[in-house]
Amino acid sequence: MDHLTERQERILRCIREEIAATGEGPSIRRIGQLVGLSSSSAVAYQLGRLEEQGLVSRTGRRWRDCHMR
């Protein structure tokens, strides 16, 4: 597994907390708001990197359907 950047760690924490609070993963926009990224594509890029590393997965196309590993 590659080393996680601080931003990736914040995104993982955000996903974990949102799933614990609501029972589902946050949207890309919500993640951006929580970690301070205004670009949805930047959030999507980071999520893709985390998915490649096997730290998160999604059952559909939406990131609200994501799961922590």
N, C-alpha and C. Protein backbone atom coordinates (compact mmCIF):
# COMPACT_ATOMS: atom_id res chain seq x y z
N MET A 1 0.85 -1.18 0.00
CA MET A 1 0.00 0.00 0.00
C MET A 1 0.89 1.23 0.00
N ASP A 2 0.54 2.22 -0.80
CA ASP A 2 1.27 3.47 -0.86
C ASP A 2 1.01 4.28 0.39
N HIS A 3 1.93 5.18 0.64
CA HIS A 3 1.76 6.11 1.76
C HIS A 3 0.61 7.06 1.46
N LEU A 4 -0.21 7.32 2.45
CA LEU A 4 -1.34 8.23 2.27
C LEU A 4 -0.90 9.67 2.51
N THR A 5 -1.41 10.56 1.68
CA THR A 5 -1.17 11.97 1.91
C THR A 5 -2.08 12.45 3.02
N GLU A 6 -1.79 13.63 3.54
CA GLU A 6 -2.64 14.20 4.59
C GLU A 6 -4.06 14.39 4.07
N ARG A 7 -4.18 14.82 2.83
CA ARG A 7 -5.50 15.03 2.24
C ARG A 7 -6.27 13.71 2.16
N GLN A 8 -5.60 12.64 1.75
CA GLN A 8 -6.26 11.33 1.66
C GLN A 8 -6.69 10.85 3.04
N GLU A 9 -5.87 11.08 4.04
CA GLU A 9 -6.24 10.71 5.41
C GLU A 9 -7.47 11.48 5.86
N ARG A 10 -7.53 12.78 5.53
CA ARG A 10 -8.71 13.58 5.89
C ARG A 10 -9.95 13.08 5.18
N ILE A 11 -9.81 12.69 3.93
CA ILE A 11 -10.95 12.17 3.18
C ILE A 11 -11.44 10.86 3.78
N LEU A 12 -10.53 9.97 4.13
CA LEU A 12 -10.92 8.71 4.77
C LEU A 12 -11.63 8.96 6.09
N ARG A 13 -11.11 9.87 6.88
CA ARG A 13 -11.75 10.21 8.16
C ARG A 13 -13.15 10.77 7.92
N CYS A 14 -13.28 11.63 6.93
CA CYS A 14 -14.57 12.21 6.58
C CYS A 14 -15.57 11.13 6.19
N ILE A 15 -15.15 10.20 5.36
CA ILE A 15 -16.03 9.11 4.92
C ILE A 15 -16.45 8.25 6.12
N ARG A 16 -15.49 7.90 6.96
CA ARG A 16 -15.76 7.07 8.13
C ARG A 16 -16.77 7.75 9.05
N GLU A 17 -16.58 9.05 9.31
CA GLU A 17 -17.47 9.77 10.20
C GLU A 17 -18.87 9.93 9.61
N GLU A 18 -18.94 10.17 8.31
CA GLU A 18 -20.25 10.33 7.66
C GLU A 18 -21.03 9.02 7.65
N ILE A 19 -20.33 7.91 7.39
CA ILE A 19 -20.99 6.60 7.43
C ILE A 19 -21.49 6.30 8.84
N ALA A 20 -20.68 6.63 9.84
CA ALA A 20 -21.09 6.39 11.23
C ALA A 20 -22.30 7.24 11.60
N ALA A 21 -22.35 8.47 11.10
CA ALA A 21 -23.43 9.39 11.46
C ALA A 21 -24.72 9.14 10.68
N THR A 22 -24.61 8.80 9.40
CA THR A 22 -25.80 8.73 8.55
C THR A 22 -26.08 7.35 7.97
N GLY A 23 -25.10 6.46 8.03
CA GLY A 23 -25.29 5.13 7.48
C GLY A 23 -24.94 5.01 6.01
N GLU A 24 -24.52 6.11 5.39
CA GLU A 24 -24.09 6.06 4.00
C GLU A 24 -22.93 7.02 3.79
N GLY A 25 -22.19 6.80 2.72
CA GLY A 25 -21.05 7.64 2.42
C GLY A 25 -21.48 9.03 1.97
N PRO A 26 -20.59 10.00 2.13
CA PRO A 26 -20.90 11.36 1.70
C PRO A 26 -20.78 11.52 0.18
N SER A 27 -21.45 12.51 -0.35
CA SER A 27 -21.31 12.82 -1.78
C SER A 27 -19.94 13.46 -2.02
N ILE A 28 -19.56 13.53 -3.27
CA ILE A 28 -18.28 14.17 -3.61
C ILE A 28 -18.29 15.62 -3.15
N ARG A 29 -19.38 16.31 -3.36
CA ARG A 29 -19.47 17.72 -2.92
C ARG A 29 -19.35 17.85 -1.41
N ARG A 30 -20.00 16.94 -0.69
CA ARG A 30 -19.93 16.97 0.78
C ARG A 30 -18.49 16.72 1.26
N ILE A 31 -17.83 15.76 0.64
CA ILE A 31 -16.42 15.50 1.00
C ILE A 31 -15.60 16.76 0.77
N GLY A 32 -15.79 17.39 -0.38
CA GLY A 32 -15.06 18.61 -0.68
C GLY A 32 -15.29 19.69 0.37
N GLN A 33 -16.53 19.86 0.79
CA GLN A 33 -16.85 20.85 1.83
C GLN A 33 -16.13 20.52 3.13
N LEU A 34 -16.14 19.25 3.50
CA LEU A 34 -15.58 18.85 4.80
C LEU A 34 -14.06 18.91 4.83
N VAL A 35 -13.41 18.69 3.70
CA VAL A 35 -11.94 18.68 3.70
C VAL A 35 -11.34 19.93 3.07
N GLY A 36 -12.18 20.86 2.61
CA GLY A 36 -11.68 22.12 2.09
C GLY A 36 -11.25 22.09 0.64
N LEU A 37 -11.86 21.24 -0.17
CA LEU A 37 -11.58 21.21 -1.61
C LEU A 37 -12.80 21.74 -2.35
N SER A 38 -12.59 22.72 -3.21
CA SER A 38 -13.71 23.29 -3.95
C SER A 38 -13.96 22.58 -5.27
N SER A 39 -12.98 21.81 -5.74
CA SER A 39 -13.10 21.13 -7.02
C SER A 39 -13.59 19.70 -6.85
N SER A 40 -14.73 19.39 -7.47
CA SER A 40 -15.26 18.03 -7.41
C SER A 40 -14.31 17.04 -8.09
N SER A 41 -13.63 17.49 -9.13
CA SER A 41 -12.70 16.59 -9.82
C SER A 41 -11.49 16.26 -8.95
N ALA A 42 -11.07 17.19 -8.10
CA ALA A 42 -9.96 16.91 -7.19
C ALA A 42 -10.38 15.85 -6.16
N VAL A 43 -11.59 15.95 -5.67
CA VAL A 43 -12.11 14.96 -4.72
C VAL A 43 -12.23 13.60 -5.42
N ALA A 44 -12.77 13.59 -6.63
CA ALA A 44 -12.93 12.34 -7.38
C ALA A 44 -11.57 11.69 -7.65
N TYR A 45 -10.57 12.49 -7.94
CA TYR A 45 -9.22 11.97 -8.17
C TYR A 45 -8.71 11.28 -6.91
N GLN A 46 -8.84 11.95 -5.77
CA GLN A 46 -8.36 11.37 -4.51
C GLN A 46 -9.12 10.10 -4.16
N LEU A 47 -10.42 10.08 -4.40
CA LEU A 47 -11.21 8.87 -4.15
C LEU A 47 -10.77 7.72 -5.06
N GLY A 48 -10.46 8.04 -6.29
CA GLY A 48 -9.96 7.03 -7.21
C GLY A 48 -8.64 6.45 -6.74
N ARG A 49 -7.76 7.29 -6.23
CA ARG A 49 -6.47 6.81 -5.69
C ARG A 49 -6.71 5.91 -4.48
N LEU A 50 -7.64 6.28 -3.61
CA LEU A 50 -7.94 5.46 -2.43
C LEU A 50 -8.57 4.13 -2.85
N GLU A 51 -9.37 4.16 -3.90
CA GLU A 51 -9.98 2.94 -4.41
C GLU A 51 -8.91 2.02 -5.01
N GLU A 52 -7.96 2.59 -5.73
CA GLU A 52 -6.85 1.80 -6.29
C GLU A 52 -6.05 1.11 -5.20
N GLN A 53 -5.92 1.77 -4.06
CA GLN A 53 -5.16 1.22 -2.94
C GLN A 53 -5.97 0.23 -2.11
N GLY A 54 -7.25 0.09 -2.46
CA GLY A 54 -8.09 -0.87 -1.76
C GLY A 54 -8.63 -0.38 -0.42
N LEU A 55 -8.58 0.91 -0.17
CA LEU A 55 -9.03 1.45 1.11
C LEU A 55 -10.52 1.76 1.12
N VAL A 56 -11.07 2.05 -0.03
CA VAL A 56 -12.51 2.26 -0.17
C VAL A 56 -12.98 1.53 -1.41
N SER A 57 -14.24 1.19 -1.42
CA SER A 57 -14.83 0.60 -2.61
C SER A 57 -16.25 1.12 -2.71
N ARG A 58 -16.83 0.96 -3.87
CA ARG A 58 -18.21 1.38 -4.05
C ARG A 58 -18.96 0.30 -4.80
N THR A 59 -20.23 0.19 -4.49
CA THR A 59 -21.03 -0.86 -5.12
C THR A 59 -21.64 -0.39 -6.43
N GLY A 60 -21.79 0.89 -6.59
CA GLY A 60 -22.34 1.45 -7.83
C GLY A 60 -21.42 2.52 -8.35
N ARG A 61 -21.96 3.39 -9.15
CA ARG A 61 -21.15 4.48 -9.70
C ARG A 61 -21.01 5.63 -8.71
N ARG A 62 -21.97 5.76 -7.80
CA ARG A 62 -21.98 6.88 -6.88
C ARG A 62 -21.06 6.63 -5.69
N TRP A 63 -20.42 7.68 -5.22
CA TRP A 63 -19.57 7.53 -4.04
C TRP A 63 -20.39 7.45 -2.75
N ARG A 64 -21.67 7.80 -2.80
CA ARG A 64 -22.50 7.63 -1.62
C ARG A 64 -22.66 6.16 -1.30
N ASP A 65 -22.39 5.30 -2.26
CA ASP A 65 -22.47 3.85 -2.07
C ASP A 65 -21.12 3.26 -1.67
N CYS A 66 -20.21 4.08 -1.16
CA CYS A 66 -18.87 3.58 -0.87
C CYS A 66 -18.82 2.86 0.47
N HIS A 67 -17.81 2.03 0.61
CA HIS A 67 -17.58 1.24 1.82
C HIS A 67 -16.11 1.35 2.20
N MET A 68 -15.85 1.37 3.48
CA MET A 68 -14.48 1.36 3.98
C MET A 68 -14.00 -0.09 4.02
N ARG A 69 -12.74 -0.28 3.81
CA ARG A 69 -12.15 -1.62 3.92
C ARG A 69 -11.32 -1.72 5.15
